[in-house]
């Protein structure tokens, strides 16, 4: 039985990981995405990278989801991440994310309401 909620796709262009998510999320779905993203980050062999997290189609998440996201941000901080752009058009989701994912303050993170975030991440 698949317990994952939400859908995410990952792609890589240069040193930028593009994460596009949609739907409702629970911790199982987020763990699966983080497992895949960690494999990608490991393939950079310690090189710098950036992340664009496109949450424009995310409808919500369980409290446990935010705990997993926070844990992942703690792990990311220990990697060679240069920046993370979070794309979200809901002020409510942004506010919840800021409150429930305190570890993101350790990473150069900027919120956007459109995919123009790509321009900010260019070296």
PDB file of N, CA and C in Angstrom:
ATOM      1  N   UNK A   1       0.840  -1.181   0.000  1.00  0.00           N
ATOM      2  CA  UNK A   1       0.000   0.000   0.000  1.00  0.00           C
ATOM      3  C   UNK A   1       0.888   1.250   0.000  1.00  0.00           C
ATOM      4  N   UNK A   2       0.654   2.128  -0.936  1.00  0.00           N
ATOM      5  CA  UNK A   2       1.413   3.369  -1.038  1.00  0.00           C
ATOM      6  C   UNK A   2       0.844   4.386  -0.056  1.00  0.00           C
ATOM      7  N   UNK A   3       1.687   4.824   0.880  1.00  0.00           N
ATOM      8  CA  UNK A   3       1.237   5.779   1.888  1.00  0.00           C
ATOM      9  C   UNK A   3       1.648   7.203   1.558  1.00  0.00           C
ATOM     10  N   UNK A   4       2.314   7.398   0.407  1.00  0.00           N
ATOM     11  CA  UNK A   4       2.774   8.728   0.020  1.00  0.00           C
ATOM     12  C   UNK A   4       1.608   9.591  -0.445  1.00  0.00           C
ATOM     13  N   UNK A   5       1.625  10.828  -0.016  1.00  0.00           N
ATOM     14  CA  UNK A   5       0.670  11.818  -0.490  1.00  0.00           C
ATOM     15  C   UNK A   5       1.462  12.899  -1.201  1.00  0.00           C
ATOM     16  N   UNK A   6       0.866  13.503  -2.194  1.00  0.00           N
ATOM     17  CA  UNK A   6       1.523  14.561  -2.948  1.00  0.00           C
ATOM     18  C   UNK A   6       2.390  13.979  -4.058  1.00  0.00           C
ATOM     19  N   UNK A   7       2.681  14.815  -5.030  1.00  0.00           N
ATOM     20  CA  UNK A   7       3.520  14.421  -6.159  1.00  0.00           C
ATOM     21  C   UNK A   7       4.640  15.435  -6.318  1.00  0.00           C
ATOM     22  N   UNK A   8       5.834  14.933  -6.586  1.00  0.00           N
ATOM     23  CA  UNK A   8       6.975  15.813  -6.848  1.00  0.00           C
ATOM     24  C   UNK A   8       7.770  15.254  -8.010  1.00  0.00           C
ATOM     25  N   UNK A   9       8.331  16.162  -8.771  1.00  0.00           N
ATOM     26  CA  UNK A   9       9.282  15.758  -9.805  1.00  0.00           C
ATOM     27  C   UNK A   9      10.575  16.529  -9.556  1.00  0.00           C
ATOM     28  N   UNK A  10      11.680  15.864  -9.844  1.00  0.00           N
ATOM     29  CA  UNK A  10      12.999  16.453  -9.678  1.00  0.00           C
ATOM     30  C   UNK A  10      13.708  16.459 -11.019  1.00  0.00           C
ATOM     31  N   UNK A  11      14.373  17.561 -11.314  1.00  0.00           N
ATOM     32  CA  UNK A  11      15.216  17.633 -12.501  1.00  0.00           C
ATOM     33  C   UNK A  11      16.436  18.469 -12.139  1.00  0.00           C
ATOM     34  N   UNK A  12      17.480  18.303 -12.918  1.00  0.00           N
ATOM     35  CA  UNK A  12      18.724  19.021 -12.647  1.00  0.00           C
ATOM     36  C   UNK A  12      19.159  19.732 -13.923  1.00  0.00           C
ATOM     37  N   UNK A  13      19.456  21.017 -13.792  1.00  0.00           N
ATOM     38  CA  UNK A  13      20.018  21.801 -14.890  1.00  0.00           C
ATOM     39  C   UNK A  13      21.276  22.447 -14.332  1.00  0.00           C
ATOM     40  N   UNK A  14      22.420  21.977 -14.819  1.00  0.00           N
ATOM     41  CA  UNK A  14      23.694  22.464 -14.296  1.00  0.00           C
ATOM     42  C   UNK A  14      23.838  22.057 -12.850  1.00  0.00           C
ATOM     43  N   UNK A  15      23.994  23.043 -11.982  1.00  0.00           N
ATOM     44  CA  UNK A  15      24.124  22.754 -10.549  1.00  0.00           C
ATOM     45  C   UNK A  15      22.857  23.129  -9.775  1.00  0.00           C
ATOM     46  N   UNK A  16      21.736  23.253 -10.494  1.00  0.00           N
ATOM     47  CA  UNK A  16      20.471  23.639  -9.856  1.00  0.00           C
ATOM     48  C   UNK A  16      19.483  22.467  -9.905  1.00  0.00           C
ATOM     49  N   UNK A  17      19.022  22.087  -8.729  1.00  0.00           N
ATOM     50  CA  UNK A  17      18.003  21.045  -8.610  1.00  0.00           C
ATOM     51  C   UNK A  17      16.645  21.734  -8.632  1.00  0.00           C
ATOM     52  N   UNK A  18      15.793  21.316  -9.553  1.00  0.00           N
ATOM     53  CA  UNK A  18      14.438  21.867  -9.668  1.00  0.00           C
ATOM     54  C   UNK A  18      13.463  20.856  -9.078  1.00  0.00           C
ATOM     55  N   UNK A  19      12.766  21.271  -8.049  1.00  0.00           N
ATOM     56  CA  UNK A  19      11.785  20.435  -7.378  1.00  0.00           C
ATOM     57  C   UNK A  19      10.420  21.060  -7.616  1.00  0.00           C
ATOM     58  N   UNK A  20       9.524  20.304  -8.227  1.00  0.00           N
ATOM     59  CA  UNK A  20       8.171  20.808  -8.487  1.00  0.00           C
ATOM     60  C   UNK A  20       7.186  19.872  -7.800  1.00  0.00           C
ATOM     61  N   UNK A  21       6.399  20.435  -6.886  1.00  0.00           N
ATOM     62  CA  UNK A  21       5.472  19.630  -6.102  1.00  0.00           C
ATOM     63  C   UNK A  21       4.043  20.103  -6.298  1.00  0.00           C
ATOM     64  N   UNK A  22       3.109  19.150  -6.156  1.00  0.00           N
ATOM     65  CA  UNK A  22       1.695  19.521  -6.229  1.00  0.00           C
ATOM     66  C   UNK A  22       0.872  18.578  -5.364  1.00  0.00           C
ATOM     67  N   UNK A  23      -0.239  19.099  -4.882  1.00  0.00           N
ATOM     68  CA  UNK A  23      -1.151  18.295  -4.089  1.00  0.00           C
ATOM     69  C   UNK A  23      -0.999  18.509  -2.603  1.00  0.00           C
ATOM     70  N   UNK A  24      -1.496  17.545  -1.854  1.00  0.00           N
ATOM     71  CA  UNK A  24      -1.422  17.535  -0.397  1.00  0.00           C
ATOM     72  C   UNK A  24      -0.297  16.598   0.023  1.00  0.00           C
ATOM     73  N   UNK A  25       0.462  16.953   1.076  1.00  0.00           N
ATOM     74  CA  UNK A  25       1.627  16.163   1.456  1.00  0.00           C
ATOM     75  C   UNK A  25       1.550  15.629   2.870  1.00  0.00           C
ATOM     76  N   UNK A  26       2.118  14.427   3.020  1.00  0.00           N
ATOM     77  CA  UNK A  26       2.355  13.853   4.333  1.00  0.00           C
ATOM     78  C   UNK A  26       3.851  13.529   4.428  1.00  0.00           C
ATOM     79  N   UNK A  27       4.277  13.057   5.598  1.00  0.00           N
ATOM     80  CA  UNK A  27       5.704  12.812   5.795  1.00  0.00           C
ATOM     81  C   UNK A  27       6.250  11.705   4.907  1.00  0.00           C
ATOM     82  N   UNK A  28       5.417  10.740   4.523  1.00  0.00           N
ATOM     83  CA  UNK A  28       5.880   9.641   3.679  1.00  0.00           C
ATOM     84  C   UNK A  28       6.245  10.134   2.282  1.00  0.00           C
ATOM     85  N   UNK A  29       5.407  10.988   1.722  1.00  0.00           N
ATOM     86  CA  UNK A  29       5.695  11.544   0.406  1.00  0.00           C
ATOM     87  C   UNK A  29       6.944  12.399   0.410  1.00  0.00           C
ATOM     88  N   UNK A  30       7.117  13.182   1.472  1.00  0.00           N
ATOM     89  CA  UNK A  30       8.281  14.057   1.577  1.00  0.00           C
ATOM     90  C   UNK A  30       9.560  13.237   1.760  1.00  0.00           C
ATOM     91  N   UNK A  31       9.495  12.183   2.557  1.00  0.00           N
ATOM     92  CA  UNK A  31      10.674  11.320   2.744  1.00  0.00           C
ATOM     93  C   UNK A  31      11.127  10.727   1.411  1.00  0.00           C
ATOM     94  N   UNK A  32      10.178  10.304   0.594  1.00  0.00           N
ATOM     95  CA  UNK A  32      10.525   9.724  -0.711  1.00  0.00           C
ATOM     96  C   UNK A  32      11.218  10.752  -1.598  1.00  0.00           C
ATOM     97  N   UNK A  33      10.740  11.982  -1.600  1.00  0.00           N
ATOM     98  CA  UNK A  33      11.350  13.049  -2.390  1.00  0.00           C
ATOM     99  C   UNK A  33      12.745  13.359  -1.869  1.00  0.00           C
ATOM    100  N   UNK A  34      12.901  13.413  -0.552  1.00  0.00           N
ATOM    101  CA  UNK A  34      14.212  13.730   0.015  1.00  0.00           C
ATOM    102  C   UNK A  34      15.220  12.629  -0.271  1.00  0.00           C
ATOM    103  N   UNK A  35      14.766  11.391  -0.299  1.00  0.00           N
ATOM    104  CA  UNK A  35      15.677  10.289  -0.625  1.00  0.00           C
ATOM    105  C   UNK A  35      16.228  10.483  -2.038  1.00  0.00           C
ATOM    106  N   UNK A  36      15.351  10.807  -2.965  1.00  0.00           N
ATOM    107  CA  UNK A  36      15.763  11.031  -4.352  1.00  0.00           C
ATOM    108  C   UNK A  36      16.662  12.261  -4.470  1.00  0.00           C
ATOM    109  N   UNK A  37      16.324  13.332  -3.765  1.00  0.00           N
ATOM    110  CA  UNK A  37      17.139  14.550  -3.856  1.00  0.00           C
ATOM    111  C   UNK A  37      18.519  14.332  -3.231  1.00  0.00           C
ATOM    112  N   UNK A  38      18.606  13.540  -2.169  1.00  0.00           N
ATOM    113  CA  UNK A  38      19.905  13.250  -1.559  1.00  0.00           C
ATOM    114  C   UNK A  38      20.807  12.486  -2.523  1.00  0.00           C
ATOM    115  N   UNK A  39      20.226  11.589  -3.304  1.00  0.00           N
ATOM    116  CA  UNK A  39      21.006  10.860  -4.311  1.00  0.00           C
ATOM    117  C   UNK A  39      21.566  11.827  -5.352  1.00  0.00           C
ATOM    118  N   UNK A  40      20.760  12.793  -5.757  1.00  0.00           N
ATOM    119  CA  UNK A  40      21.222  13.796  -6.719  1.00  0.00           C
ATOM    120  C   UNK A  40      22.341  14.628  -6.109  1.00  0.00           C
ATOM    121  N   UNK A  41      22.149  15.078  -4.882  1.00  0.00           N
ATOM    122  CA  UNK A  41      23.160  15.909  -4.213  1.00  0.00           C
ATOM    123  C   UNK A  41      24.457  15.120  -4.039  1.00  0.00           C
ATOM    124  N   UNK A  42      24.355  13.859  -3.694  1.00  0.00           N
ATOM    125  CA  UNK A  42      25.553  13.018  -3.576  1.00  0.00           C
ATOM    126  C   UNK A  42      26.296  12.920  -4.902  1.00  0.00           C
ATOM    127  N   UNK A  43      25.559  12.964  -6.015  1.00  0.00           N
ATOM    128  CA  UNK A  43      26.201  12.863  -7.340  1.00  0.00           C
ATOM    129  C   UNK A  43      27.028  14.108  -7.673  1.00  0.00           C
ATOM    130  N   UNK A  44      26.834  15.202  -6.939  1.00  0.00           N
ATOM    131  CA  UNK A  44      27.640  16.409  -7.150  1.00  0.00           C
ATOM    132  C   UNK A  44      29.031  16.275  -6.522  1.00  0.00           C
ATOM    133  N   UNK A  45      29.260  15.189  -5.765  1.00  0.00           N
ATOM    134  CA  UNK A  45      30.567  14.910  -5.155  1.00  0.00           C
ATOM    135  C   UNK A  45      31.126  16.095  -4.369  1.00  0.00           C
ATOM    136  N   UNK A  46      30.300  16.715  -3.563  1.00  0.00           N
ATOM    137  CA  UNK A  46      30.746  17.814  -2.723  1.00  0.00           C
ATOM    138  C   UNK A  46      30.745  19.175  -3.407  1.00  0.00           C
ATOM    139  N   UNK A  47      30.376  19.221  -4.680  1.00  0.00           N
ATOM    140  CA  UNK A  47      30.323  20.493  -5.401  1.00  0.00           C
ATOM    141  C   UNK A  47      29.139  21.333  -4.954  1.00  0.00           C
ATOM    142  N   UNK A  48      29.238  22.625  -5.199  1.00  0.00           N
ATOM    143  CA  UNK A  48      28.154  23.551  -4.844  1.00  0.00           C
ATOM    144  C   UNK A  48      26.926  23.274  -5.704  1.00  0.00           C
ATOM    145  N   UNK A  49      25.769  23.551  -5.128  1.00  0.00           N
ATOM    146  CA  UNK A  49      24.504  23.382  -5.841  1.00  0.00           C
ATOM    147  C   UNK A  49      23.483  24.343  -5.254  1.00  0.00           C
ATOM    148  N   UNK A  50      22.381  24.490  -5.969  1.00  0.00           N
ATOM    149  CA  UNK A  50      21.265  25.318  -5.503  1.00  0.00           C
ATOM    150  C   UNK A  50      19.977  24.537  -5.731  1.00  0.00           C
ATOM    151  N   UNK A  51      18.924  24.973  -5.082  1.00  0.00           N
ATOM    152  CA  UNK A  51      17.623  24.318  -5.203  1.00  0.00           C
ATOM    153  C   UNK A  51      16.547  25.350  -5.484  1.00  0.00           C
ATOM    154  N   UNK A  52      15.681  25.016  -6.433  1.00  0.00           N
ATOM    155  CA  UNK A  52      14.433  25.759  -6.630  1.00  0.00           C
ATOM    156  C   UNK A  52      13.310  24.809  -6.220  1.00  0.00           C
ATOM    157  N   UNK A  53      12.576  25.189  -5.194  1.00  0.00           N
ATOM    158  CA  UNK A  53      11.447  24.397  -4.718  1.00  0.00           C
ATOM    159  C   UNK A  53      10.164  25.096  -5.160  1.00  0.00           C
ATOM    160  N   UNK A  54       9.538  24.555  -6.189  1.00  0.00           N
ATOM    161  CA  UNK A  54       8.322  25.123  -6.756  1.00  0.00           C
ATOM    162  C   UNK A  54       7.113  24.498  -6.065  1.00  0.00           C
ATOM    163  N   UNK A  55       6.490  25.273  -5.179  1.00  0.00           N
ATOM    164  CA  UNK A  55       5.326  24.816  -4.432  1.00  0.00           C
ATOM    165  C   UNK A  55       4.054  25.524  -4.880  1.00  0.00           C
ATOM    166  N   UNK A  56       4.024  26.035  -6.114  1.00  0.00           N
ATOM    167  CA  UNK A  56       2.858  26.781  -6.589  1.00  0.00           C
ATOM    168  C   UNK A  56       1.583  25.939  -6.601  1.00  0.00           C
ATOM    169  N   UNK A  57       1.730  24.621  -6.756  1.00  0.00           N
ATOM    170  CA  UNK A  57       0.553  23.755  -6.827  1.00  0.00           C
ATOM    171  C   UNK A  57       0.366  22.913  -5.563  1.00  0.00           C
ATOM    172  N   UNK A  58       1.064  23.265  -4.495  1.00  0.00           N
ATOM    173  CA  UNK A  58       0.897  22.551  -3.228  1.00  0.00           C
ATOM    174  C   UNK A  58      -0.345  23.092  -2.528  1.00  0.00           C
ATOM    175  N   UNK A  59      -1.180  22.178  -2.069  1.00  0.00           N
ATOM    176  CA  UNK A  59      -2.435  22.562  -1.424  1.00  0.00           C
ATOM    177  C   UNK A  59      -2.340  22.567   0.095  1.00  0.00           C
ATOM    178  N   UNK A  60      -1.360  21.855   0.640  1.00  0.00           N
ATOM    179  CA  UNK A  60      -1.214  21.799   2.089  1.00  0.00           C
ATOM    180  C   UNK A  60      -0.344  20.634   2.496  1.00  0.00           C
ATOM    181  N   UNK A  61      -0.099  20.537   3.812  1.00  0.00           N
ATOM    182  CA  UNK A  61       0.764  19.485   4.330  1.00  0.00           C
ATOM    183  C   UNK A  61       0.449  19.233   5.794  1.00  0.00           C
ATOM    184  N   UNK A  62       0.721  18.007   6.225  1.00  0.00           N
ATOM    185  CA  UNK A  62       0.526  17.648   7.630  1.00  0.00           C
ATOM    186  C   UNK A  62       1.642  18.256   8.475  1.00  0.00           C
ATOM    187  N   UNK A  63       1.432  18.389   9.773  1.00  0.00           N
ATOM    188  CA  UNK A  63       2.497  18.893  10.647  1.00  0.00           C
ATOM    189  C   UNK A  63       3.771  18.046  10.562  1.00  0.00           C
ATOM    190  N   UNK A  64       3.612  16.743  10.402  1.00  0.00           N
ATOM    191  CA  UNK A  64       4.769  15.848  10.293  1.00  0.00           C
ATOM    192  C   UNK A  64       5.582  16.129   9.029  1.00  0.00           C
ATOM    193  N   UNK A  65       4.910  16.608   7.998  1.00  0.00           N
ATOM    194  CA  UNK A  65       5.613  16.974   6.764  1.00  0.00           C
ATOM    195  C   UNK A  65       6.616  18.081   7.047  1.00  0.00           C
ATOM    196  N   UNK A  66       6.191  19.088   7.789  1.00  0.00           N
ATOM    197  CA  UNK A  66       7.084  20.208   8.097  1.00  0.00           C
ATOM    198  C   UNK A  66       8.256  19.771   8.973  1.00  0.00           C
ATOM    199  N   UNK A  67       8.031  18.784   9.847  1.00  0.00           N
ATOM    200  CA  UNK A  67       9.134  18.244  10.648  1.00  0.00           C
ATOM    201  C   UNK A  67      10.179  17.601   9.741  1.00  0.00           C
ATOM    202  N   UNK A  68       9.726  16.864   8.736  1.00  0.00           N
ATOM    203  CA  UNK A  68      10.643  16.238   7.783  1.00  0.00           C
ATOM    204  C   UNK A  68      11.381  17.294   6.948  1.00  0.00           C
ATOM    205  N   UNK A  69      10.660  18.319   6.527  1.00  0.00           N
ATOM    206  CA  UNK A  69      11.289  19.393   5.755  1.00  0.00           C
ATOM    207  C   UNK A  69      12.352  20.085   6.602  1.00  0.00           C
ATOM    208  N   UNK A  70      12.060  20.307   7.858  1.00  0.00           N
ATOM    209  CA  UNK A  70      13.038  20.940   8.739  1.00  0.00           C
ATOM    210  C   UNK A  70      14.278  20.053   8.894  1.00  0.00           C
ATOM    211  N   UNK A  71      14.076  18.761   9.096  1.00  0.00           N
ATOM    212  CA  UNK A  71      15.208  17.827   9.199  1.00  0.00           C
ATOM    213  C   UNK A  71      16.041  17.841   7.926  1.00  0.00           C
ATOM    214  N   UNK A  72      15.374  17.898   6.783  1.00  0.00           N
ATOM    215  CA  UNK A  72      16.099  17.939   5.516  1.00  0.00           C
ATOM    216  C   UNK A  72      16.916  19.227   5.393  1.00  0.00           C
ATOM    217  N   UNK A  73      16.370  20.349   5.876  1.00  0.00           N
ATOM    218  CA  UNK A  73      17.113  21.607   5.832  1.00  0.00           C
ATOM    219  C   UNK A  73      18.338  21.563   6.736  1.00  0.00           C
ATOM    220  N   UNK A  74      18.245  20.860   7.851  1.00  0.00           N
ATOM    221  CA  UNK A  74      19.412  20.674   8.715  1.00  0.00           C
ATOM    222  C   UNK A  74      20.484  19.903   7.951  1.00  0.00           C
ATOM    223  N   UNK A  75      20.074  18.849   7.263  1.00  0.00           N
ATOM    224  CA  UNK A  75      21.018  18.063   6.451  1.00  0.00           C
ATOM    225  C   UNK A  75      21.588  18.911   5.316  1.00  0.00           C
ATOM    226  N   UNK A  76      20.737  19.672   4.624  1.00  0.00           N
ATOM    227  CA  UNK A  76      21.195  20.515   3.517  1.00  0.00           C
ATOM    228  C   UNK A  76      22.253  21.509   3.965  1.00  0.00           C
ATOM    229  N   UNK A  77      22.086  22.066   5.148  1.00  0.00           N
ATOM    230  CA  UNK A  77      23.038  23.046   5.665  1.00  0.00           C
ATOM    231  C   UNK A  77      24.434  22.444   5.790  1.00  0.00           C
ATOM    232  N   UNK A  78      24.499  21.150   6.011  1.00  0.00           N
ATOM    233  CA  UNK A  78      25.784  20.465   6.153  1.00  0.00           C
ATOM    234  C   UNK A  78      26.392  20.097   4.795  1.00  0.00           C
ATOM    235  N   UNK A  79      25.650  20.307   3.725  1.00  0.00           N
ATOM    236  CA  UNK A  79      26.126  20.039   2.373  1.00  0.00           C
ATOM    237  C   UNK A  79      26.677  21.343   1.788  1.00  0.00           C
ATOM    238  N   UNK A  80      27.013  21.319   0.534  1.00  0.00           N
ATOM    239  CA  UNK A  80      27.617  22.497  -0.103  1.00  0.00           C
ATOM    240  C   UNK A  80      26.567  23.315  -0.864  1.00  0.00           C
ATOM    241  N   UNK A  81      25.405  23.528  -0.237  1.00  0.00           N
ATOM    242  CA  UNK A  81      24.330  24.293  -0.882  1.00  0.00           C
ATOM    243  C   UNK A  81      24.679  25.779  -0.864  1.00  0.00           C
ATOM    244  N   UNK A  82      24.504  26.430  -2.018  1.00  0.00           N
ATOM    245  CA  UNK A  82      24.808  27.863  -2.072  1.00  0.00           C
ATOM    246  C   UNK A  82      23.566  28.714  -1.884  1.00  0.00           C
ATOM    247  N   UNK A  83      22.391  28.189  -2.251  1.00  0.00           N
ATOM    248  CA  UNK A  83      21.154  28.957  -2.084  1.00  0.00           C
ATOM    249  C   UNK A  83      19.947  28.073  -2.367  1.00  0.00           C
ATOM    250  N   UNK A  84      18.810  28.524  -1.842  1.00  0.00           N
ATOM    251  CA  UNK A  84      17.549  27.834  -2.091  1.00  0.00           C
ATOM    252  C   UNK A  84      16.480  28.877  -2.362  1.00  0.00           C
ATOM    253  N   UNK A  85      15.771  28.721  -3.471  1.00  0.00           N
ATOM    254  CA  UNK A  85      14.648  29.583  -3.817  1.00  0.00           C
ATOM    255  C   UNK A  85      13.367  28.789  -3.597  1.00  0.00           C
ATOM    256  N   UNK A  86      12.451  29.363  -2.856  1.00  0.00           N
ATOM    257  CA  UNK A  86      11.172  28.723  -2.579  1.00  0.00           C
ATOM    258  C   UNK A  86      10.096  29.523  -3.298  1.00  0.00           C
ATOM    259  N   UNK A  87       9.369  28.855  -4.178  1.00  0.00           N
ATOM    260  CA  UNK A  87       8.337  29.520  -4.973  1.00  0.00           C
ATOM    261  C   UNK A  87       6.978  29.081  -4.443  1.00  0.00           C
ATOM    262  N   UNK A  88       6.247  30.048  -3.895  1.00  0.00           N
ATOM    263  CA  UNK A  88       4.939  29.762  -3.316  1.00  0.00           C
ATOM    264  C   UNK A  88       4.066  31.002  -3.490  1.00  0.00           C
ATOM    265  N   UNK A  89       2.810  30.805  -3.900  1.00  0.00           N
ATOM    266  CA  UNK A  89       1.942  31.966  -4.105  1.00  0.00           C
ATOM    267  C   UNK A  89       0.881  32.093  -3.029  1.00  0.00           C
ATOM    268  N   UNK A  90       1.031  31.331  -1.960  1.00  0.00           N
ATOM    269  CA  UNK A  90       0.098  31.408  -0.851  1.00  0.00           C
ATOM    270  C   UNK A  90       0.811  32.011   0.356  1.00  0.00           C
ATOM    271  N   UNK A  91       0.328  33.149   0.805  1.00  0.00           N
ATOM    272  CA  UNK A  91       0.947  33.785   1.977  1.00  0.00           C
ATOM    273  C   UNK A  91       0.778  32.917   3.220  1.00  0.00           C
ATOM    274  N   UNK A  92      -0.284  32.117   3.254  1.00  0.00           N
ATOM    275  CA  UNK A  92      -0.511  31.227   4.389  1.00  0.00           C
ATOM    276  C   UNK A  92       0.549  30.127   4.408  1.00  0.00           C
ATOM    277  N   UNK A  93       0.776  29.463   3.255  1.00  0.00           N
ATOM    278  CA  UNK A  93       1.799  28.414   3.206  1.00  0.00           C
ATOM    279  C   UNK A  93       3.185  28.980   3.491  1.00  0.00           C
ATOM    280  N   UNK A  94       3.458  30.169   3.006  1.00  0.00           N
ATOM    281  CA  UNK A  94       4.750  30.806   3.281  1.00  0.00           C
ATOM    282  C   UNK A  94       4.913  31.041   4.780  1.00  0.00           C
ATOM    283  N   UNK A  95       3.888  31.592   5.416  1.00  0.00           N
ATOM    284  CA  UNK A  95       3.957  31.875   6.854  1.00  0.00           C
ATOM    285  C   UNK A  95       4.118  30.591   7.664  1.00  0.00           C
ATOM    286  N   UNK A  96       3.384  29.557   7.289  1.00  0.00           N
ATOM    287  CA  UNK A  96       3.510  28.274   7.982  1.00  0.00           C
ATOM    288  C   UNK A  96       4.915  27.710   7.779  1.00  0.00           C
ATOM    289  N   UNK A  97       5.401  27.775   6.543  1.00  0.00           N
ATOM    290  CA  UNK A  97       6.743  27.282   6.254  1.00  0.00           C
ATOM    291  C   UNK A  97       7.810  28.014   7.046  1.00  0.00           C
ATOM    292  N   UNK A  98       7.701  29.320   7.149  1.00  0.00           N
ATOM    293  CA  UNK A  98       8.678  30.100   7.908  1.00  0.00           C
ATOM    294  C   UNK A  98       8.664  29.711   9.390  1.00  0.00           C
ATOM    295  N   UNK A  99       7.481  29.461   9.908  1.00  0.00           N
ATOM    296  CA  UNK A  99       7.367  29.117  11.327  1.00  0.00           C
ATOM    297  C   UNK A  99       7.773  27.671  11.602  1.00  0.00           C
ATOM    298  N   UNK A 100       7.367  26.742  10.739  1.00  0.00           N
ATOM    299  CA  UNK A 100       7.550  25.317  11.004  1.00  0.00           C
ATOM    300  C   UNK A 100       8.875  24.753  10.502  1.00  0.00           C
ATOM    301  N   UNK A 101       9.646  25.549   9.724  1.00  0.00           N
ATOM    302  CA  UNK A 101      10.932  25.084   9.186  1.00  0.00           C
ATOM    303  C   UNK A 101      12.020  26.078   9.600  1.00  0.00           C
ATOM    304  N   UNK A 102      12.303  26.155  10.894  1.00  0.00           N
ATOM    305  CA  UNK A 102      13.286  27.134  11.359  1.00  0.00           C
ATOM    306  C   UNK A 102      14.706  26.892  10.843  1.00  0.00           C
ATOM    307  N   UNK A 103      15.032  25.666  10.477  1.00  0.00           N
ATOM    308  CA  UNK A 103      16.393  25.365  10.009  1.00  0.00           C
ATOM    309  C   UNK A 103      16.724  26.062   8.698  1.00  0.00           C
ATOM    310  N   UNK A 104      15.727  26.529   7.967  1.00  0.00           N
ATOM    311  CA  UNK A 104      16.015  27.168   6.682  1.00  0.00           C
ATOM    312  C   UNK A 104      16.733  28.500   6.846  1.00  0.00           C
ATOM    313  N   UNK A 105      16.729  29.071   8.041  1.00  0.00           N
ATOM    314  CA  UNK A 105      17.436  30.335   8.232  1.00  0.00           C
ATOM    315  C   UNK A 105      18.946  30.159   8.104  1.00  0.00           C
ATOM    316  N   UNK A 106      19.419  28.916   8.222  1.00  0.00           N
ATOM    317  CA  UNK A 106      20.849  28.638   8.081  1.00  0.00           C
ATOM    318  C   UNK A 106      21.293  28.582   6.622  1.00  0.00           C
ATOM    319  N   UNK A 107      20.349  28.517   5.712  1.00  0.00           N
ATOM    320  CA  UNK A 107      20.623  28.424   4.274  1.00  0.00           C
ATOM    321  C   UNK A 107      20.185  29.733   3.636  1.00  0.00           C
ATOM    322  N   UNK A 108      20.973  30.221   2.687  1.00  0.00           N
ATOM    323  CA  UNK A 108      20.576  31.427   1.949  1.00  0.00           C
ATOM    324  C   UNK A 108      19.285  31.087   1.194  1.00  0.00           C
ATOM    325  N   UNK A 109      18.171  31.556   1.725  1.00  0.00           N
ATOM    326  CA  UNK A 109      16.854  31.218   1.191  1.00  0.00           C
ATOM    327  C   UNK A 109      16.091  32.497   0.873  1.00  0.00           C
ATOM    328  N   UNK A 110      15.405  32.467  -0.261  1.00  0.00           N
ATOM    329  CA  UNK A 110      14.559  33.601  -0.640  1.00  0.00           C
ATOM    330  C   UNK A 110      13.241  33.051  -1.173  1.00  0.00           C
ATOM    331  N   UNK A 111      12.145  33.721  -0.811  1.00  0.00           N
ATOM    332  CA  UNK A 111      10.819  33.321  -1.271  1.00  0.00           C
ATOM    333  C   UNK A 111      10.416  34.147  -2.483  1.00  0.00           C
ATOM    334  N   UNK A 112       9.751  33.481  -3.418  1.00  0.00           N
ATOM    335  CA  UNK A 112       9.264  34.112  -4.645  1.00  0.00           C
ATOM    336  C   UNK A 112       7.830  33.686  -4.870  1.00  0.00           C
ATOM    337  N   UNK A 113       7.110  34.468  -5.670  1.00  0.00           N
ATOM    338  CA  UNK A 113       5.751  34.070  -6.029  1.00  0.00           C
ATOM    339  C   UNK A 113       5.651  33.682  -7.504  1.00  0.00           C
ATOM    340  N   UNK A 114       6.805  33.538  -8.142  1.00  0.00           N
ATOM    341  CA  UNK A 114       6.831  33.080  -9.535  1.00  0.00           C
ATOM    342  C   UNK A 114       8.145  32.353  -9.791  1.00  0.00           C
ATOM    343  N   UNK A 115       8.212  31.713 -10.925  1.00  0.00           N
ATOM    344  CA  UNK A 115       9.403  30.941 -11.277  1.00  0.00           C
ATOM    345  C   UNK A 115      10.576  31.848 -11.628  1.00  0.00           C
ATOM    346  N   UNK A 116      10.418  33.135 -11.578  1.00  0.00           N
ATOM    347  CA  UNK A 116      11.541  34.050 -11.809  1.00  0.00           C
ATOM    348  C   UNK A 116      12.665  33.831 -10.802  1.00  0.00           C
ATOM    349  N   UNK A 117      12.438  32.956  -9.862  1.00  0.00           N
ATOM    350  CA  UNK A 117      13.442  32.601  -8.870  1.00  0.00           C
ATOM    351  C   UNK A 117      14.710  32.090  -9.546  1.00  0.00           C
ATOM    352  N   UNK A 118      14.575  31.520 -10.725  1.00  0.00           N
ATOM    353  CA  UNK A 118      15.725  30.986 -11.444  1.00  0.00           C
ATOM    354  C   UNK A 118      16.767  32.065 -11.656  1.00  0.00           C
ATOM    355  N   UNK A 119      16.342  33.261 -11.978  1.00  0.00           N
ATOM    356  CA  UNK A 119      17.271  34.364 -12.220  1.00  0.00           C
ATOM    357  C   UNK A 119      18.089  34.686 -10.971  1.00  0.00           C
ATOM    358  N   UNK A 120      17.492  34.590  -9.803  1.00  0.00           N
ATOM    359  CA  UNK A 120      18.188  34.880  -8.550  1.00  0.00           C
ATOM    360  C   UNK A 120      19.277  33.850  -8.269  1.00  0.00           C
ATOM    361  N   UNK A 121      19.055  32.628  -8.717  1.00  0.00           N
ATOM    362  CA  UNK A 121      20.007  31.548  -8.433  1.00  0.00           C
ATOM    363  C   UNK A 121      21.177  31.491  -9.403  1.00  0.00           C
ATOM    364  N   UNK A 122      21.096  32.219 -10.497  1.00  0.00           N
ATOM    365  CA  UNK A 122      22.202  32.180 -11.456  1.00  0.00           C
ATOM    366  C   UNK A 122      23.478  32.682 -10.795  1.00  0.00           C
ATOM    367  N   UNK A 123      24.583  31.980 -11.043  1.00  0.00           N
ATOM    368  CA  UNK A 123      25.860  32.393 -10.396  1.00  0.00           C
ATOM    369  C   UNK A 123      26.335  33.753 -10.849  1.00  0.00           C
TER     370      UNK A 123
END
